[in-house]
Amino acid sequence: MINNISNVDMHMQQMAVAKTMTSTVGMSMPPILGFKTPALKGKADLRVKKFKRSDDIIIAGEIDDDYVDIIEEDEDSGNNVGFMPSRGFSFVNLLPPKKRTKYLKDCYIIDYIQSPQVRCGMGTEAMKGLAEKAMFDPKIQGRIVTYSAPVCRESSPALFFYKLGFRFMDPQANERMKDCLIKNIPDLPPQTGMMYLPRTYLNKLLHYGELF
């Protein structure tokens, strides 16, 4: 079917758009179109703090090297001088044993996140904004950490963070998250512990949910 625009009622066209009005200063006002302003979309409440390298936060667990400064330090043995039998039974000074300590570099830590509505993308949008901010911060360089802990017994933020690319420093916890997603089961009992965003997943978070 082809619309015949020559038969359109001109009177109806005039009803669709209001006539141009003249303002008090003599300037023409633009036509008033018949549409409504969309309601403003809410935002998730995201609270973030900053960890500094000078805070000397020690990390225990598996984490990417770009998140930490690895320093070799002396073990606290209490006595660095010992006796070792050798030819002639002479006294020798024993070198103290070394340990590799991981100190967390400058990074953002997510202290709290809550969305006014669930499963509507507000939390994800807030996380994408934080990832962009972290990426362009010359001191942070994209490093983001959080501590996954459920607010109540039935809830767990671990799956939310895992889907966005965050990983636990405990490999077994990551396997549990992967299993929950594959089998579509809740994270019960909820996994708790420190999570971080690997650099390889930073770009994934920035474009999460987009269609290519």
Protein backbone atom coordinates (compact mmCIF):
# COMPACT_ATOMS: atom_id res chain seq x y z
CA MET A 1 0.00 0.00 0.00
CA ILE A 2 1.35 3.43 -1.06
CA ASN A 3 0.38 6.49 0.93
CA ASN A 4 -1.03 9.29 -1.24
CA ILE A 5 0.30 12.42 0.44
CA SER A 6 -1.73 14.67 -1.88
CA ASN A 7 -4.92 13.64 -0.08
CA VAL A 8 -3.70 14.45 3.45
CA ASP A 9 -5.99 16.80 5.28
CA MET A 10 -4.07 20.06 5.66
CA HIS A 11 -6.22 20.96 8.64
CA MET A 12 -4.88 17.94 10.56
CA GLN A 13 -1.32 19.01 9.79
CA GLN A 14 -1.98 22.36 11.40
CA MET A 15 -3.34 20.66 14.51
CA ALA A 16 -0.24 18.48 14.92
CA VAL A 17 2.19 21.39 15.36
CA ALA A 18 1.28 24.58 17.17
CA LYS A 19 1.55 27.88 15.34
CA THR A 20 4.70 29.94 15.72
CA MET A 21 4.30 32.53 18.44
CA THR A 22 6.04 35.86 18.78
CA SER A 23 7.74 36.62 22.09
CA THR A 24 7.61 39.96 23.90
CA VAL A 25 11.00 40.90 22.46
CA GLY A 26 9.85 40.34 18.91
CA MET A 27 11.70 37.08 18.24
CA SER A 28 9.95 34.04 16.82
CA MET A 29 9.42 31.15 19.25
CA PRO A 30 10.12 27.63 17.93
CA PRO A 31 7.16 25.32 17.30
CA ILE A 32 6.01 23.31 20.33
CA LEU A 33 6.26 19.65 19.39
CA GLY A 34 4.00 17.03 20.92
CA PHE A 35 6.39 14.88 22.99
CA LYS A 36 7.10 14.35 26.66
CA THR A 37 10.47 14.70 28.35
CA PRO A 38 11.64 11.21 29.45
CA ALA A 39 11.94 10.61 33.17
CA LEU A 40 15.44 10.88 34.58
CA LYS A 41 17.13 7.54 35.15
CA GLY A 42 18.26 6.84 38.70
CA LYS A 43 21.83 6.12 39.72
CA ALA A 44 23.42 3.54 41.95
CA ASP A 45 25.02 4.67 45.17
CA LEU A 46 28.74 3.94 44.74
CA ARG A 47 31.24 4.81 47.47
CA VAL A 48 34.92 4.56 46.67
CA LYS A 49 38.09 5.14 48.67
CA LYS A 50 41.72 5.26 47.60
CA PHE A 51 44.50 3.01 48.85
CA LYS A 52 48.03 4.41 48.63
CA ARG A 53 51.28 2.51 48.36
CA SER A 54 52.46 4.37 51.45
CA ASP A 55 49.71 2.63 53.46
CA ASP A 56 51.89 -0.54 53.29
CA ILE A 57 48.95 -2.90 52.79
CA ILE A 58 50.30 -6.45 52.55
CA ILE A 59 48.55 -8.79 50.10
CA ALA A 60 48.36 -12.52 50.73
CA GLY A 61 47.10 -14.51 47.77
CA GLU A 62 47.36 -14.65 43.99
CA ILE A 63 47.13 -11.26 42.32
CA ASP A 64 48.54 -9.74 39.13
CA ASP A 65 52.02 -8.28 39.47
CA ASP A 66 50.90 -4.84 38.28
CA TYR A 67 48.81 -4.52 41.46
CA VAL A 68 51.69 -4.93 43.89
CA ASP A 69 55.26 -4.00 44.66
CA ILE A 70 57.14 -7.21 45.47
CA ILE A 71 59.85 -6.52 48.03
CA GLU A 72 62.39 -9.00 49.37
CA GLU A 73 62.69 -8.57 53.13
CA ASP A 74 64.50 -10.36 55.93
CA GLU A 75 62.58 -12.95 57.88
CA ASP A 76 62.20 -12.16 61.57
CA SER A 77 64.42 -14.97 62.82
CA GLY A 78 65.47 -13.22 66.03
CA ASN A 79 69.11 -14.16 65.61
CA ASN A 80 70.98 -13.60 62.38
CA VAL A 81 74.25 -15.10 63.59
CA GLY A 82 74.62 -18.86 63.77
CA PHE A 83 77.20 -21.58 64.04
CA MET A 84 77.98 -23.73 61.03
CA PRO A 85 80.61 -26.45 61.25
CA SER A 86 83.15 -26.19 58.47
CA ARG A 87 86.77 -26.99 57.95
CA GLY A 88 88.49 -25.78 61.08
CA PHE A 89 85.11 -25.31 62.85
CA SER A 90 85.23 -21.57 62.33
CA PHE A 91 82.30 -19.28 63.12
CA VAL A 92 80.49 -17.90 60.11
CA ASN A 93 77.71 -15.37 59.78
CA LEU A 94 74.55 -16.87 58.33
CA LEU A 95 72.61 -14.69 55.92
CA PRO A 96 69.06 -14.13 57.16
CA PRO A 97 66.39 -15.88 55.09
CA LYS A 98 64.47 -13.69 52.65
CA LYS A 99 60.74 -13.41 52.10
CA ARG A 100 58.86 -11.82 49.21
CA THR A 101 56.25 -9.39 50.50
CA LYS A 102 53.53 -7.97 48.24
CA TYR A 103 52.53 -4.37 48.97
CA LEU A 104 49.38 -3.05 47.31
CA LYS A 105 49.96 -0.17 44.89
CA ASP A 106 47.75 2.90 44.57
CA CYS A 107 44.24 1.73 43.70
CA TYR A 108 40.55 2.42 44.21
CA ILE A 109 38.62 0.26 46.66
CA ILE A 110 34.86 -0.10 46.33
CA ASP A 111 33.52 0.43 49.81
CA TYR A 112 29.80 0.23 49.02
CA ILE A 113 27.46 -0.07 46.06
CA GLN A 114 23.67 -0.20 46.07
CA SER A 115 21.13 0.28 43.30
CA PRO A 116 17.59 1.63 43.86
CA GLN A 117 16.36 -1.06 41.45
CA VAL A 118 17.72 -4.54 40.85
CA ARG A 119 18.59 -5.96 37.42
CA CYS A 120 18.22 -2.65 35.63
CA GLY A 121 21.84 -1.86 34.81
CA MET A 122 22.37 0.99 37.26
CA GLY A 123 25.07 -0.85 39.20
CA THR A 124 26.85 -1.83 35.99
CA GLU A 125 26.78 1.74 34.68
CA ALA A 126 28.27 2.98 37.95
CA MET A 127 31.05 0.40 37.71
CA LYS A 128 31.79 1.35 34.10
CA GLY A 129 32.15 4.98 35.15
CA LEU A 130 34.55 4.00 37.92
CA ALA A 131 36.61 1.85 35.53
CA GLU A 132 36.95 4.77 33.12
CA LYS A 133 38.02 7.08 35.95
CA ALA A 134 40.58 4.54 37.17
CA MET A 135 41.97 4.01 33.69
CA PHE A 136 42.70 7.71 33.16
CA ASP A 137 44.12 8.26 36.66
CA PRO A 138 47.93 8.22 36.19
CA LYS A 139 48.55 6.92 39.71
CA ILE A 140 45.76 4.32 39.78
CA GLN A 141 46.30 3.00 36.22
CA GLY A 142 43.06 1.00 36.21
CA ARG A 143 43.54 -0.81 39.54
CA ILE A 144 40.28 -1.47 41.42
CA VAL A 145 39.75 -3.79 44.39
CA THR A 146 36.82 -4.62 46.64
CA TYR A 147 35.95 -6.93 49.50
CA SER A 148 33.03 -9.19 48.72
CA ALA A 149 30.88 -9.66 51.80
CA PRO A 150 27.12 -10.30 51.84
CA VAL A 151 24.91 -7.74 53.54
CA CYS A 152 22.43 -10.44 54.52
CA ARG A 153 22.52 -14.22 54.52
CA GLU A 154 20.69 -14.62 51.21
CA SER A 155 22.65 -12.07 49.19
CA SER A 156 26.16 -12.07 47.79
CA PRO A 157 27.82 -9.41 45.61
CA ALA A 158 30.46 -11.88 44.41
CA LEU A 159 28.59 -12.97 41.26
CA PHE A 160 27.90 -9.35 40.30
CA PHE A 161 31.58 -8.46 40.48
CA TYR A 162 32.66 -11.73 38.84
CA LYS A 163 30.45 -11.08 35.79
CA LEU A 164 32.10 -7.68 35.37
CA GLY A 165 35.57 -9.26 35.37
CA PHE A 166 36.62 -9.13 39.02
CA ARG A 167 38.46 -12.14 40.40
CA PHE A 168 39.18 -13.51 43.85
CA MET A 169 42.78 -13.99 44.96
CA ASP A 170 41.77 -17.52 45.92
CA PRO A 171 41.62 -19.73 42.77
CA GLN A 172 39.09 -22.09 44.39
CA ALA A 173 36.67 -19.19 44.94
CA ASN A 174 36.94 -18.29 41.24
CA GLU A 175 36.14 -21.88 40.27
CA ARG A 176 33.09 -21.71 42.50
CA MET A 177 31.94 -18.51 40.76
CA LYS A 178 32.42 -20.08 37.35
CA ASP A 179 30.40 -23.12 38.41
CA CYS A 180 27.56 -20.92 39.67
CA LEU A 181 27.32 -19.14 36.33
CA ILE A 182 27.42 -22.33 34.27
CA LYS A 183 24.80 -24.10 36.37
CA ASN A 184 22.78 -20.92 37.01
CA ILE A 185 22.76 -21.46 40.75
CA PRO A 186 23.03 -18.88 43.56
CA ASP A 187 26.28 -18.26 45.40
CA LEU A 188 25.38 -20.16 48.57
CA PRO A 189 27.14 -20.26 50.89
CA PRO A 190 28.34 -16.84 49.72
CA GLN A 191 31.98 -16.41 48.84
CA THR A 192 33.78 -13.72 50.79
CA GLY A 193 37.20 -12.19 50.36
CA MET A 194 39.16 -9.62 48.44
CA MET A 195 38.54 -9.29 44.70
CA TYR A 196 40.44 -7.29 42.10
CA LEU A 197 39.95 -6.31 38.46
CA PRO A 198 42.70 -7.81 36.28
CA ARG A 199 43.98 -5.51 33.55
CA THR A 200 42.90 -8.05 30.92
CA TYR A 201 39.26 -7.55 32.02
CA LEU A 202 39.36 -3.75 32.28
CA ASN A 203 38.35 -3.25 28.64
CA LYS A 204 35.59 -5.85 29.05
CA LEU A 205 34.07 -3.84 31.89
CA LEU A 206 34.27 -0.58 29.95
CA HIS A 207 32.23 -2.13 27.10
CA TYR A 208 30.07 -4.48 29.17
CA GLY A 209 26.62 -4.96 27.68
CA GLU A 210 27.38 -3.23 24.39
CA LEU A 211 26.51 -4.85 21.08
CA PHE A 212 29.18 -4.93 18.40
